[in-house]
Amino acid sequence: MLRGESLAAVRGDRRLFAELNFDLQAGEMLYVGGPNGSGKTTLLRMICGLVLPVAGRVLWGGEDIQSLDDAYRADLLYCGHHTALKDDLTGLENLRFASMLGGRPVNEDEALAALERMGMFEVADLPARVMSQGQKRRVNLARLLLTRARLWVLDEPFTALDAAAVEALRATLADHLRAGGMLVLTTHQQASFDGITVRHVEMGQ
């Protein structure tokens, strides 16, 4: 359902990648690897329609994502390297606000349950400005438990997580894939799942 065809990206006068191709089907994961500065985040943002390719195109269901607009965004959840939480909002408020922007408003009980599953019930009433980076990351990732998006694009989702949070996130990702969802991610940690097809794109080669 997700395909990249002959993609190319340039930063300044430097070519990050060219003639990059991938194909991802329901229930599969695409692992984007490579050294820092090789274009991993650029590729993820390109898949989300936030960066335009210099050449090539990204297809969703056989159609160029640039022609799909809101229809594609409804199927997509992107968690970038930055948490994008609003400092003056509490953990609960941030989560409900993000869910509303994603097109699926949730009630307080649903949001609290998601925070609890990510081990973040304690920050439900804390403003984001006083949270640690790990807490902010886990509040942001709690969005995964509330979305109906089929395609998850995650940039270094395991960063700043303790061991318990890493395992909770692994379980959430595995459940999504086994339910027929799709996952694109970069990570420096091992992220394979039993019975799941993992495709690879290695940047900087």
N, C-alpha and C. Protein backbone atom coordinates (compact mmCIF):
# COMPACT_ATOMS: atom_id res chain seq x y z
N MET A 1 0.81 -1.21 0.00
CA MET A 1 0.00 0.00 0.00
C MET A 1 0.84 1.26 0.00
N LEU A 2 2.07 1.18 0.55
CA LEU A 2 2.97 2.33 0.57
C LEU A 2 4.17 2.02 -0.32
N ARG A 3 4.47 2.93 -1.22
CA ARG A 3 5.58 2.68 -2.14
C ARG A 3 6.36 3.95 -2.40
N GLY A 4 7.68 3.83 -2.44
CA GLY A 4 8.55 4.91 -2.86
C GLY A 4 9.18 4.55 -4.18
N GLU A 5 9.10 5.46 -5.13
CA GLU A 5 9.61 5.20 -6.48
C GLU A 5 10.67 6.23 -6.86
N SER A 6 11.91 5.76 -7.00
CA SER A 6 13.02 6.58 -7.51
C SER A 6 13.15 7.91 -6.76
N LEU A 7 13.05 7.86 -5.44
CA LEU A 7 13.07 9.08 -4.63
C LEU A 7 14.49 9.67 -4.54
N ALA A 8 14.53 11.00 -4.54
CA ALA A 8 15.80 11.70 -4.39
C ALA A 8 15.60 12.91 -3.50
N ALA A 9 16.64 13.24 -2.73
CA ALA A 9 16.59 14.41 -1.84
C ALA A 9 17.94 15.10 -1.85
N VAL A 10 17.90 16.44 -1.74
CA VAL A 10 19.11 17.26 -1.71
C VAL A 10 19.02 18.21 -0.52
N ARG A 11 20.13 18.37 0.18
CA ARG A 11 20.22 19.36 1.26
C ARG A 11 21.34 20.33 0.91
N GLY A 12 20.97 21.57 0.63
CA GLY A 12 21.97 22.53 0.16
C GLY A 12 22.49 22.10 -1.20
N ASP A 13 23.80 21.91 -1.27
CA ASP A 13 24.39 21.42 -2.52
C ASP A 13 24.80 19.96 -2.42
N ARG A 14 24.29 19.29 -1.38
CA ARG A 14 24.66 17.89 -1.16
C ARG A 14 23.49 16.97 -1.42
N ARG A 15 23.72 15.94 -2.20
CA ARG A 15 22.69 14.93 -2.46
C ARG A 15 22.65 13.95 -1.30
N LEU A 16 21.47 13.81 -0.67
CA LEU A 16 21.32 12.87 0.43
C LEU A 16 21.10 11.45 -0.08
N PHE A 17 20.22 11.32 -1.05
CA PHE A 17 19.97 10.01 -1.66
C PHE A 17 19.32 10.20 -3.02
N ALA A 18 19.38 9.15 -3.83
CA ALA A 18 18.76 9.18 -5.16
C ALA A 18 18.38 7.76 -5.56
N GLU A 19 17.39 7.65 -6.43
CA GLU A 19 16.91 6.35 -6.92
C GLU A 19 16.59 5.39 -5.77
N LEU A 20 15.95 5.93 -4.74
CA LEU A 20 15.59 5.11 -3.58
C LEU A 20 14.19 4.54 -3.78
N ASN A 21 14.06 3.24 -3.59
CA ASN A 21 12.79 2.55 -3.80
C ASN A 21 12.45 1.68 -2.60
N PHE A 22 11.18 1.57 -2.28
CA PHE A 22 10.72 0.64 -1.26
C PHE A 22 9.26 0.30 -1.52
N ASP A 23 8.81 -0.78 -0.92
CA ASP A 23 7.43 -1.24 -1.06
C ASP A 23 7.01 -1.86 0.26
N LEU A 24 5.88 -1.41 0.82
CA LEU A 24 5.44 -1.88 2.13
C LEU A 24 3.97 -2.25 2.07
N GLN A 25 3.65 -3.42 2.59
CA GLN A 25 2.28 -3.92 2.58
C GLN A 25 1.74 -3.98 4.01
N ALA A 26 0.45 -4.23 4.12
CA ALA A 26 -0.20 -4.33 5.43
C ALA A 26 0.50 -5.39 6.29
N GLY A 27 0.73 -5.08 7.56
CA GLY A 27 1.35 -6.00 8.49
C GLY A 27 2.86 -6.04 8.41
N GLU A 28 3.47 -5.12 7.64
CA GLU A 28 4.92 -5.11 7.48
C GLU A 28 5.56 -3.86 8.07
N MET A 29 6.85 -3.98 8.39
CA MET A 29 7.63 -2.88 8.93
C MET A 29 8.75 -2.53 7.98
N LEU A 30 8.99 -1.23 7.78
CA LEU A 30 10.13 -0.75 7.01
C LEU A 30 11.13 -0.12 7.96
N TYR A 31 12.31 -0.71 8.05
CA TYR A 31 13.37 -0.18 8.91
C TYR A 31 14.29 0.69 8.06
N VAL A 32 14.43 1.94 8.45
CA VAL A 32 15.31 2.88 7.75
C VAL A 32 16.57 3.05 8.56
N GLY A 33 17.68 2.53 8.06
CA GLY A 33 18.94 2.58 8.78
C GLY A 33 19.95 3.50 8.12
N GLY A 34 21.09 3.68 8.78
CA GLY A 34 22.15 4.50 8.22
C GLY A 34 22.72 5.45 9.25
N PRO A 35 23.89 6.02 8.97
CA PRO A 35 24.54 6.93 9.92
C PRO A 35 23.82 8.26 10.01
N ASN A 36 24.12 9.03 11.05
CA ASN A 36 23.55 10.36 11.20
C ASN A 36 23.91 11.22 9.99
N GLY A 37 22.94 12.01 9.52
CA GLY A 37 23.18 12.87 8.38
C GLY A 37 23.00 12.22 7.04
N SER A 38 22.58 10.96 7.02
CA SER A 38 22.44 10.24 5.75
C SER A 38 21.08 10.44 5.10
N GLY A 39 20.15 11.11 5.80
CA GLY A 39 18.85 11.40 5.20
C GLY A 39 17.70 10.58 5.74
N LYS A 40 17.88 9.93 6.89
CA LYS A 40 16.81 9.09 7.44
C LYS A 40 15.58 9.91 7.78
N THR A 41 15.78 10.98 8.54
CA THR A 41 14.65 11.82 8.92
C THR A 41 14.02 12.49 7.70
N THR A 42 14.84 12.88 6.75
CA THR A 42 14.32 13.47 5.51
C THR A 42 13.41 12.49 4.80
N LEU A 43 13.81 11.23 4.73
CA LEU A 43 12.96 10.23 4.08
C LEU A 43 11.65 10.06 4.83
N LEU A 44 11.70 10.00 6.16
CA LEU A 44 10.47 9.85 6.94
C LEU A 44 9.54 11.04 6.71
N ARG A 45 10.09 12.24 6.70
CA ARG A 45 9.27 13.43 6.46
C ARG A 45 8.73 13.46 5.03
N MET A 46 9.48 12.89 4.11
CA MET A 46 9.02 12.79 2.73
C MET A 46 7.83 11.83 2.64
N ILE A 47 7.89 10.73 3.37
CA ILE A 47 6.78 9.77 3.40
C ILE A 47 5.53 10.43 3.97
N CYS A 48 5.73 11.37 4.89
CA CYS A 48 4.60 12.07 5.51
C CYS A 48 4.10 13.26 4.67
N GLY A 49 4.78 13.55 3.57
CA GLY A 49 4.38 14.69 2.75
C GLY A 49 4.87 16.02 3.26
N LEU A 50 5.78 16.01 4.23
CA LEU A 50 6.31 17.25 4.81
C LEU A 50 7.51 17.78 4.05
N VAL A 51 8.15 16.92 3.26
CA VAL A 51 9.28 17.28 2.40
C VAL A 51 8.99 16.75 1.01
N LEU A 52 9.16 17.59 0.01
CA LEU A 52 8.92 17.16 -1.37
C LEU A 52 10.18 16.53 -1.95
N PRO A 53 10.06 15.42 -2.65
CA PRO A 53 11.24 14.83 -3.28
C PRO A 53 11.72 15.68 -4.45
N VAL A 54 13.03 15.70 -4.66
CA VAL A 54 13.60 16.34 -5.83
C VAL A 54 13.22 15.55 -7.08
N ALA A 55 13.14 14.25 -6.92
CA ALA A 55 12.71 13.37 -8.00
C ALA A 55 11.98 12.19 -7.38
N GLY A 56 11.13 11.55 -8.16
CA GLY A 56 10.39 10.39 -7.70
C GLY A 56 9.09 10.77 -6.99
N ARG A 57 8.45 9.78 -6.40
CA ARG A 57 7.18 10.02 -5.74
C ARG A 57 6.90 8.96 -4.69
N VAL A 58 6.05 9.31 -3.73
CA VAL A 58 5.56 8.38 -2.72
C VAL A 58 4.11 8.07 -3.05
N LEU A 59 3.76 6.78 -3.08
CA LEU A 59 2.42 6.34 -3.43
C LEU A 59 1.75 5.68 -2.24
N TRP A 60 0.47 5.95 -2.07
CA TRP A 60 -0.36 5.30 -1.05
C TRP A 60 -1.59 4.74 -1.75
N GLY A 61 -1.70 3.41 -1.74
CA GLY A 61 -2.81 2.79 -2.46
C GLY A 61 -2.75 3.06 -3.96
N GLY A 62 -1.53 3.24 -4.49
CA GLY A 62 -1.36 3.46 -5.92
C GLY A 62 -1.48 4.89 -6.36
N GLU A 63 -1.74 5.83 -5.43
CA GLU A 63 -1.89 7.24 -5.78
C GLU A 63 -0.81 8.08 -5.12
N ASP A 64 -0.33 9.08 -5.84
CA ASP A 64 0.67 9.99 -5.31
C ASP A 64 0.11 10.69 -4.08
N ILE A 65 0.87 10.68 -2.97
CA ILE A 65 0.35 11.27 -1.73
C ILE A 65 0.10 12.77 -1.88
N GLN A 66 0.77 13.42 -2.82
CA GLN A 66 0.57 14.86 -3.00
C GLN A 66 -0.83 15.19 -3.50
N SER A 67 -1.53 14.19 -4.05
CA SER A 67 -2.89 14.41 -4.55
C SER A 67 -3.95 13.96 -3.55
N LEU A 68 -3.52 13.39 -2.42
CA LEU A 68 -4.48 12.79 -1.48
C LEU A 68 -4.87 13.73 -0.34
N ASP A 69 -3.98 14.61 0.07
CA ASP A 69 -4.26 15.60 1.11
C ASP A 69 -4.80 14.94 2.39
N ASP A 70 -5.99 15.36 2.84
CA ASP A 70 -6.54 14.91 4.11
C ASP A 70 -6.82 13.41 4.14
N ALA A 71 -7.13 12.83 3.00
CA ALA A 71 -7.41 11.39 2.96
C ALA A 71 -6.19 10.59 3.38
N TYR A 72 -5.01 11.04 2.99
CA TYR A 72 -3.78 10.35 3.38
C TYR A 72 -3.45 10.63 4.84
N ARG A 73 -3.56 11.89 5.25
CA ARG A 73 -3.22 12.26 6.62
C ARG A 73 -4.09 11.53 7.65
N ALA A 74 -5.31 11.19 7.26
CA ALA A 74 -6.19 10.45 8.18
C ALA A 74 -5.67 9.04 8.42
N ASP A 75 -4.88 8.51 7.49
CA ASP A 75 -4.32 7.16 7.62
C ASP A 75 -2.92 7.16 8.21
N LEU A 76 -2.41 8.34 8.57
CA LEU A 76 -1.01 8.50 8.94
C LEU A 76 -0.86 9.06 10.35
N LEU A 77 0.08 8.51 11.11
CA LEU A 77 0.48 9.10 12.38
C LEU A 77 1.99 9.21 12.38
N TYR A 78 2.49 10.43 12.55
CA TYR A 78 3.93 10.69 12.55
C TYR A 78 4.38 11.16 13.92
N CYS A 79 5.35 10.47 14.49
CA CYS A 79 5.99 10.91 15.73
C CYS A 79 7.44 11.20 15.40
N GLY A 80 7.77 12.49 15.32
CA GLY A 80 9.13 12.89 14.98
C GLY A 80 10.07 12.81 16.17
N HIS A 81 11.31 13.22 15.92
CA HIS A 81 12.33 13.16 16.96
C HIS A 81 12.00 14.13 18.10
N HIS A 82 11.34 15.24 17.77
CA HIS A 82 10.91 16.19 18.78
C HIS A 82 9.48 15.85 19.22
N THR A 83 9.20 16.02 20.50
CA THR A 83 7.91 15.57 21.03
C THR A 83 6.75 16.46 20.64
N ALA A 84 7.00 17.73 20.36
CA ALA A 84 5.96 18.67 19.89
C ALA A 84 4.83 18.86 20.91
N LEU A 85 5.13 18.68 22.20
CA LEU A 85 4.14 18.96 23.22
C LEU A 85 4.09 20.46 23.51
N LYS A 86 2.92 20.94 23.90
CA LYS A 86 2.77 22.33 24.29
C LYS A 86 3.12 22.46 25.78
N ASP A 87 4.08 23.31 26.08
CA ASP A 87 4.63 23.40 27.43
C ASP A 87 3.60 23.73 28.49
N ASP A 88 2.61 24.55 28.16
CA ASP A 88 1.64 25.00 29.16
C ASP A 88 0.49 24.02 29.36
N LEU A 89 0.40 22.99 28.53
CA LEU A 89 -0.66 21.99 28.67
C LEU A 89 -0.15 20.82 29.49
N THR A 90 -1.05 20.18 30.22
CA THR A 90 -0.69 18.99 31.00
C THR A 90 -0.53 17.79 30.06
N GLY A 91 -0.04 16.69 30.62
CA GLY A 91 0.07 15.47 29.83
C GLY A 91 -1.27 15.06 29.25
N LEU A 92 -2.31 15.10 30.08
CA LEU A 92 -3.65 14.74 29.63
C LEU A 92 -4.14 15.69 28.54
N GLU A 93 -3.95 16.97 28.74
CA GLU A 93 -4.42 17.96 27.76
C GLU A 93 -3.67 17.84 26.44
N ASN A 94 -2.36 17.61 26.52
CA ASN A 94 -1.57 17.43 25.31
C ASN A 94 -2.05 16.23 24.50
N LEU A 95 -2.32 15.15 25.20
CA LEU A 95 -2.74 13.93 24.52
C LEU A 95 -4.11 14.11 23.86
N ARG A 96 -5.03 14.73 24.55
CA ARG A 96 -6.36 14.96 23.98
C ARG A 96 -6.30 15.95 22.82
N PHE A 97 -5.45 16.96 22.96
CA PHE A 97 -5.31 17.94 21.89
C PHE A 97 -4.72 17.29 20.64
N ALA A 98 -3.69 16.46 20.79
CA ALA A 98 -3.08 15.78 19.65
C ALA A 98 -4.08 14.84 18.98
N SER A 99 -4.89 14.15 19.78
CA SER A 99 -5.89 13.24 19.22
C SER A 99 -6.95 14.00 18.44
N MET A 100 -7.32 15.17 18.94
CA MET A 100 -8.28 16.00 18.22
C MET A 100 -7.72 16.46 16.89
N LEU A 101 -6.46 16.90 16.89
CA LEU A 101 -5.82 17.32 15.64
C LEU A 101 -5.70 16.16 14.67
N GLY A 102 -5.54 14.95 15.20
CA GLY A 102 -5.44 13.77 14.35
C GLY A 102 -6.76 13.27 13.82
N GLY A 103 -7.85 13.95 14.18
CA GLY A 103 -9.15 13.59 13.63
C GLY A 103 -9.94 12.59 14.43
N ARG A 104 -9.43 12.21 15.62
CA ARG A 104 -10.17 11.28 16.46
C ARG A 104 -10.16 11.78 17.90
N PRO A 105 -11.05 12.71 18.24
CA PRO A 105 -11.11 13.20 19.62
C PRO A 105 -11.39 12.06 20.60
N VAL A 106 -10.77 12.13 21.76
CA VAL A 106 -10.97 11.10 22.78
C VAL A 106 -11.44 11.77 24.06
N ASN A 107 -12.13 10.99 24.90
CA ASN A 107 -12.57 11.55 26.17
C ASN A 107 -11.46 11.39 27.22
N GLU A 108 -11.70 11.93 28.40
CA GLU A 108 -10.68 11.94 29.44
C GLU A 108 -10.30 10.54 29.87
N ASP A 109 -11.28 9.64 30.00
CA ASP A 109 -10.99 8.28 30.44
C ASP A 109 -10.09 7.55 29.44
N GLU A 110 -10.36 7.73 28.14
CA GLU A 110 -9.54 7.07 27.12
C GLU A 110 -8.11 7.60 27.17
N ALA A 111 -7.97 8.91 27.32
CA ALA A 111 -6.63 9.49 27.37
C ALA A 111 -5.87 9.04 28.61
N LEU A 112 -6.56 8.99 29.75
CA LEU A 112 -5.90 8.54 30.98
C LEU A 112 -5.48 7.08 30.88
N ALA A 113 -6.30 6.25 30.25
CA ALA A 113 -5.95 4.84 30.09
C ALA A 113 -4.70 4.69 29.22
N ALA A 114 -4.59 5.52 28.17
CA ALA A 114 -3.41 5.46 27.31
C ALA A 114 -2.16 5.90 28.07
N LEU A 115 -2.28 6.94 28.86
CA LEU A 115 -1.14 7.39 29.67
C LEU A 115 -0.73 6.32 30.67
N GLU A 116 -1.70 5.66 31.26
CA GLU A 116 -1.39 4.61 32.24
C GLU A 116 -0.66 3.45 31.57
N ARG A 117 -1.08 3.05 30.38
CA ARG A 117 -0.41 1.94 29.66
C ARG A 117 1.03 2.29 29.32
N MET A 118 1.31 3.58 29.12
CA MET A 118 2.68 4.01 28.84
C MET A 118 3.43 4.36 30.13
N GLY A 119 2.81 4.07 31.29
CA GLY A 119 3.45 4.36 32.55
C GLY A 119 3.53 5.84 32.88
N MET A 120 2.60 6.63 32.32
CA MET A 120 2.64 8.08 32.47
C MET A 120 1.42 8.65 33.17
N PHE A 121 0.69 7.84 33.90
CA PHE A 121 -0.49 8.33 34.62
C PHE A 121 -0.11 9.44 35.60
N GLU A 122 1.10 9.36 36.13
CA GLU A 122 1.57 10.32 37.13
C GLU A 122 1.73 11.74 36.58
N VAL A 123 1.86 11.88 35.24
CA VAL A 123 2.07 13.21 34.67
C VAL A 123 0.80 13.75 34.02
N ALA A 124 -0.33 13.09 34.25
CA ALA A 124 -1.58 13.52 33.62
C ALA A 124 -1.88 14.97 33.93
N ASP A 125 -1.56 15.42 35.14
CA ASP A 125 -1.88 16.79 35.55
C ASP A 125 -0.66 17.70 35.62
N LEU A 126 0.48 17.23 35.11
CA LEU A 126 1.69 18.05 35.11
C LEU A 126 1.84 18.77 33.77
N PRO A 127 2.20 20.06 33.78
CA PRO A 127 2.48 20.73 32.52
C PRO A 127 3.74 20.16 31.87
N ALA A 128 3.77 20.15 30.57
CA ALA A 128 4.88 19.52 29.84
C ALA A 128 6.22 20.19 30.16
N ARG A 129 6.21 21.47 30.51
CA ARG A 129 7.47 22.19 30.73
C ARG A 129 8.26 21.63 31.92
N VAL A 130 7.61 20.91 32.84
CA VAL A 130 8.33 20.36 33.99
C VAL A 130 8.64 18.88 33.82
N MET A 131 8.27 18.30 32.70
CA MET A 131 8.53 16.88 32.46
C MET A 131 9.96 16.66 31.97
N SER A 132 10.50 15.48 32.25
CA SER A 132 11.79 15.08 31.68
C SER A 132 11.59 14.73 30.20
N GLN A 133 12.69 14.61 29.48
CA GLN A 133 12.60 14.25 28.07
C GLN A 133 11.96 12.87 27.89
N GLY A 134 12.29 11.94 28.79
CA GLY A 134 11.69 10.61 28.70
C GLY A 134 10.19 10.66 28.93
N GLN A 135 9.74 11.46 29.88
CA GLN A 135 8.31 11.59 30.14
C GLN A 135 7.59 12.21 28.94
N LYS A 136 8.19 13.26 28.37
CA LYS A 136 7.59 13.88 27.19
C LYS A 136 7.48 12.88 26.05
N ARG A 137 8.53 12.10 25.87
CA ARG A 137 8.53 11.11 24.79
C ARG A 137 7.41 10.11 24.98
N ARG A 138 7.20 9.65 26.22
CA ARG A 138 6.17 8.64 26.47
C ARG A 138 4.76 9.20 26.35
N VAL A 139 4.57 10.46 26.75
CA VAL A 139 3.27 11.10 26.54
C VAL A 139 2.97 11.19 25.05
N ASN A 140 3.97 11.58 24.26
CA ASN A 140 3.78 11.68 22.82
C ASN A 140 3.46 10.32 22.21
N LEU A 141 4.16 9.29 22.65
CA LEU A 141 3.95 7.95 22.11
C LEU A 141 2.61 7.35 22.54
N ALA A 142 2.02 7.88 23.61
CA ALA A 142 0.69 7.39 24.01
C ALA A 142 -0.35 7.64 22.93
N ARG A 143 -0.06 8.57 22.01
CA ARG A 143 -0.95 8.79 20.86
C ARG A 143 -1.17 7.52 20.06
N LEU A 144 -0.16 6.63 20.05
CA LEU A 144 -0.26 5.39 19.28
C LEU A 144 -1.41 4.51 19.77
N LEU A 145 -1.73 4.62 21.05
CA LEU A 145 -2.77 3.79 21.64
C LEU A 145 -4.17 4.31 21.34
N LEU A 146 -4.26 5.51 20.78
CA LEU A 146 -5.56 6.15 20.58
C LEU A 146 -5.91 6.37 19.11
N THR A 147 -4.95 6.16 18.24
CA THR A 147 -5.17 6.46 16.83
C THR A 147 -5.76 5.26 16.08
N ARG A 148 -6.43 5.56 14.97
CA ARG A 148 -6.89 4.53 14.06
C ARG A 148 -6.09 4.54 12.76
N ALA A 149 -5.03 5.34 12.73
CA ALA A 149 -4.20 5.43 11.53
C ALA A 149 -3.57 4.08 11.22
N ARG A 150 -3.53 3.74 9.95
CA ARG A 150 -2.95 2.46 9.54
C ARG A 150 -1.43 2.51 9.38
N LEU A 151 -0.91 3.70 9.07
CA LEU A 151 0.52 3.86 8.83
C LEU A 151 1.14 4.69 9.95
N TRP A 152 2.06 4.09 10.68
CA TRP A 152 2.79 4.80 11.73
C TRP A 152 4.21 5.06 11.24
N VAL A 153 4.66 6.33 11.33
CA VAL A 153 6.01 6.71 10.93
C VAL A 153 6.68 7.29 12.16
N LEU A 154 7.71 6.61 12.65
CA LEU A 154 8.31 6.93 13.95
C LEU A 154 9.82 7.16 13.80
N ASP A 155 10.27 8.31 14.26
CA ASP A 155 11.68 8.68 14.18
C ASP A 155 12.32 8.50 15.55
N GLU A 156 13.15 7.47 15.69
CA GLU A 156 13.84 7.15 16.94
C GLU A 156 12.87 7.09 18.13
N PRO A 157 11.86 6.24 18.07
CA PRO A 157 10.85 6.24 19.13
C PRO A 157 11.35 5.72 20.48
N PHE A 158 12.45 4.98 20.50
CA PHE A 158 12.93 4.41 21.75
C PHE A 158 13.87 5.34 22.52
N THR A 159 14.21 6.48 21.93
CA THR A 159 15.13 7.42 22.58
C THR A 159 14.56 7.92 23.91
N ALA A 160 15.40 7.94 24.93
CA ALA A 160 15.07 8.48 26.27
C ALA A 160 14.04 7.65 27.01
N LEU A 161 13.83 6.39 26.60
CA LEU A 161 12.91 5.51 27.31
C LEU A 161 13.67 4.54 28.20
N ASP A 162 13.10 4.26 29.38
CA ASP A 162 13.72 3.24 30.23
C ASP A 162 13.30 1.86 29.73
N ALA A 163 13.84 0.81 30.37
CA ALA A 163 13.63 -0.55 29.87
C ALA A 163 12.15 -0.94 29.85
N ALA A 164 11.40 -0.54 30.88
CA ALA A 164 9.98 -0.89 30.94
C ALA A 164 9.21 -0.21 29.81
N ALA A 165 9.54 1.05 29.55
CA ALA A 165 8.85 1.78 28.48
C ALA A 165 9.21 1.21 27.12
N VAL A 166 10.45 0.78 26.94
CA VAL A 166 10.86 0.17 25.68
C VAL A 166 10.03 -1.08 25.41
N GLU A 167 9.85 -1.91 26.42
CA GLU A 167 9.08 -3.14 26.24
C GLU A 167 7.61 -2.84 25.99
N ALA A 168 7.06 -1.83 26.66
CA ALA A 168 5.67 -1.44 26.43
C ALA A 168 5.48 -0.95 25.00
N LEU A 169 6.44 -0.19 24.51
CA LEU A 169 6.35 0.30 23.13
C LEU A 169 6.49 -0.83 22.13
N ARG A 170 7.40 -1.75 22.37
CA ARG A 170 7.55 -2.91 21.48
C ARG A 170 6.22 -3.67 21.37
N ALA A 171 5.56 -3.87 22.49
CA ALA A 171 4.29 -4.60 22.48
C ALA A 171 3.24 -3.84 21.69
N THR A 172 3.21 -2.52 21.83
CA THR A 172 2.24 -1.70 21.10
C THR A 172 2.50 -1.78 19.60
N LEU A 173 3.76 -1.70 19.19
CA LEU A 173 4.10 -1.79 17.77
C LEU A 173 3.76 -3.16 17.21
N ALA A 174 4.05 -4.20 17.98
CA ALA A 174 3.75 -5.56 17.52
C ALA A 174 2.24 -5.76 17.34
N ASP A 175 1.45 -5.25 18.28
CA ASP A 175 -0.01 -5.37 18.17
C ASP A 175 -0.51 -4.66 16.91
N HIS A 176 0.05 -3.49 16.63
CA HIS A 176 -0.36 -2.72 15.45
C HIS A 176 -0.06 -3.51 14.16
N LEU A 177 1.12 -4.09 14.09
CA LEU A 177 1.51 -4.84 12.90
C LEU A 177 0.68 -6.10 12.73
N ARG A 178 0.44 -6.80 13.82
CA ARG A 178 -0.33 -8.04 13.73
C ARG A 178 -1.79 -7.79 13.40
N ALA A 179 -2.25 -6.55 13.63
CA ALA A 179 -3.62 -6.18 13.26
C ALA A 179 -3.70 -5.67 11.82
N GLY A 180 -2.58 -5.73 11.10
CA GLY A 180 -2.58 -5.32 9.71
C GLY A 180 -2.10 -3.91 9.47
N GLY A 181 -1.61 -3.25 10.51
CA GLY A 181 -1.06 -1.91 10.34
C GLY A 181 0.31 -1.95 9.69
N MET A 182 0.84 -0.78 9.38
CA MET A 182 2.17 -0.65 8.78
C MET A 182 3.02 0.28 9.62
N LEU A 183 4.32 0.05 9.60
CA LEU A 183 5.23 0.80 10.45
C LEU A 183 6.49 1.15 9.67
N VAL A 184 6.86 2.42 9.71
CA VAL A 184 8.15 2.89 9.18
C VAL A 184 8.89 3.54 10.34
N LEU A 185 10.12 3.10 10.59
CA LEU A 185 10.83 3.70 11.72
C LEU A 185 12.32 3.72 11.52
N THR A 186 12.96 4.65 12.21
CA THR A 186 14.40 4.64 12.41
C THR A 186 14.63 4.36 13.89
N THR A 187 15.66 3.60 14.18
CA THR A 187 16.01 3.32 15.57
C THR A 187 17.41 2.74 15.62
N HIS A 188 18.13 3.04 16.68
CA HIS A 188 19.44 2.45 16.90
C HIS A 188 19.32 1.16 17.71
N GLN A 189 18.10 0.81 18.11
CA GLN A 189 17.88 -0.41 18.87
C GLN A 189 17.30 -1.51 17.98
N GLN A 190 17.51 -2.74 18.38
CA GLN A 190 16.94 -3.86 17.65
C GLN A 190 15.41 -3.79 17.71
N ALA A 191 14.76 -3.91 16.56
CA ALA A 191 13.31 -3.72 16.52
C ALA A 191 12.64 -4.74 15.61
N SER A 192 13.00 -6.00 15.76
CA SER A 192 12.36 -7.05 14.99
C SER A 192 11.26 -7.69 15.82
N PHE A 193 10.28 -8.28 15.14
CA PHE A 193 9.14 -8.88 15.82
C PHE A 193 8.88 -10.26 15.21
N ASP A 194 8.60 -11.23 16.04
CA ASP A 194 8.35 -12.59 15.56
C ASP A 194 7.18 -12.61 14.60
N GLY A 195 7.38 -13.25 13.46
CA GLY A 195 6.30 -13.43 12.49
C GLY A 195 5.99 -12.21 11.66
N ILE A 196 6.76 -11.13 11.80
CA ILE A 196 6.50 -9.88 11.07
C ILE A 196 7.55 -9.72 9.97
N THR A 197 7.12 -9.39 8.76
CA THR A 197 8.05 -9.10 7.68
C THR A 197 8.67 -7.73 7.89
N VAL A 198 9.99 -7.69 7.93
CA VAL A 198 10.72 -6.44 8.11
C VAL A 198 11.51 -6.16 6.84
N ARG A 199 11.20 -5.06 6.20
CA ARG A 199 11.94 -4.62 5.01
C ARG A 199 12.95 -3.56 5.42
N HIS A 200 14.01 -3.41 4.64
CA HIS A 200 15.10 -2.53 5.03
C HIS A 200 15.44 -1.54 3.93
N VAL A 201 15.70 -0.32 4.35
CA VAL A 201 16.31 0.70 3.48
C VAL A 201 17.52 1.21 4.22
N GLU A 202 18.70 1.06 3.63
CA GLU A 202 19.93 1.49 4.27
C GLU A 202 20.43 2.76 3.57
N MET A 203 20.48 3.85 4.33
CA MET A 203 20.86 5.15 3.78
C MET A 203 22.38 5.29 3.83
N GLY A 204 22.89 6.17 2.97
CA GLY A 204 24.32 6.49 2.99
C GLY A 204 25.19 5.48 2.30
N GLN A 205 24.60 4.67 1.43
CA GLN A 205 25.40 3.67 0.72
C GLN A 205 25.53 4.05 -0.75
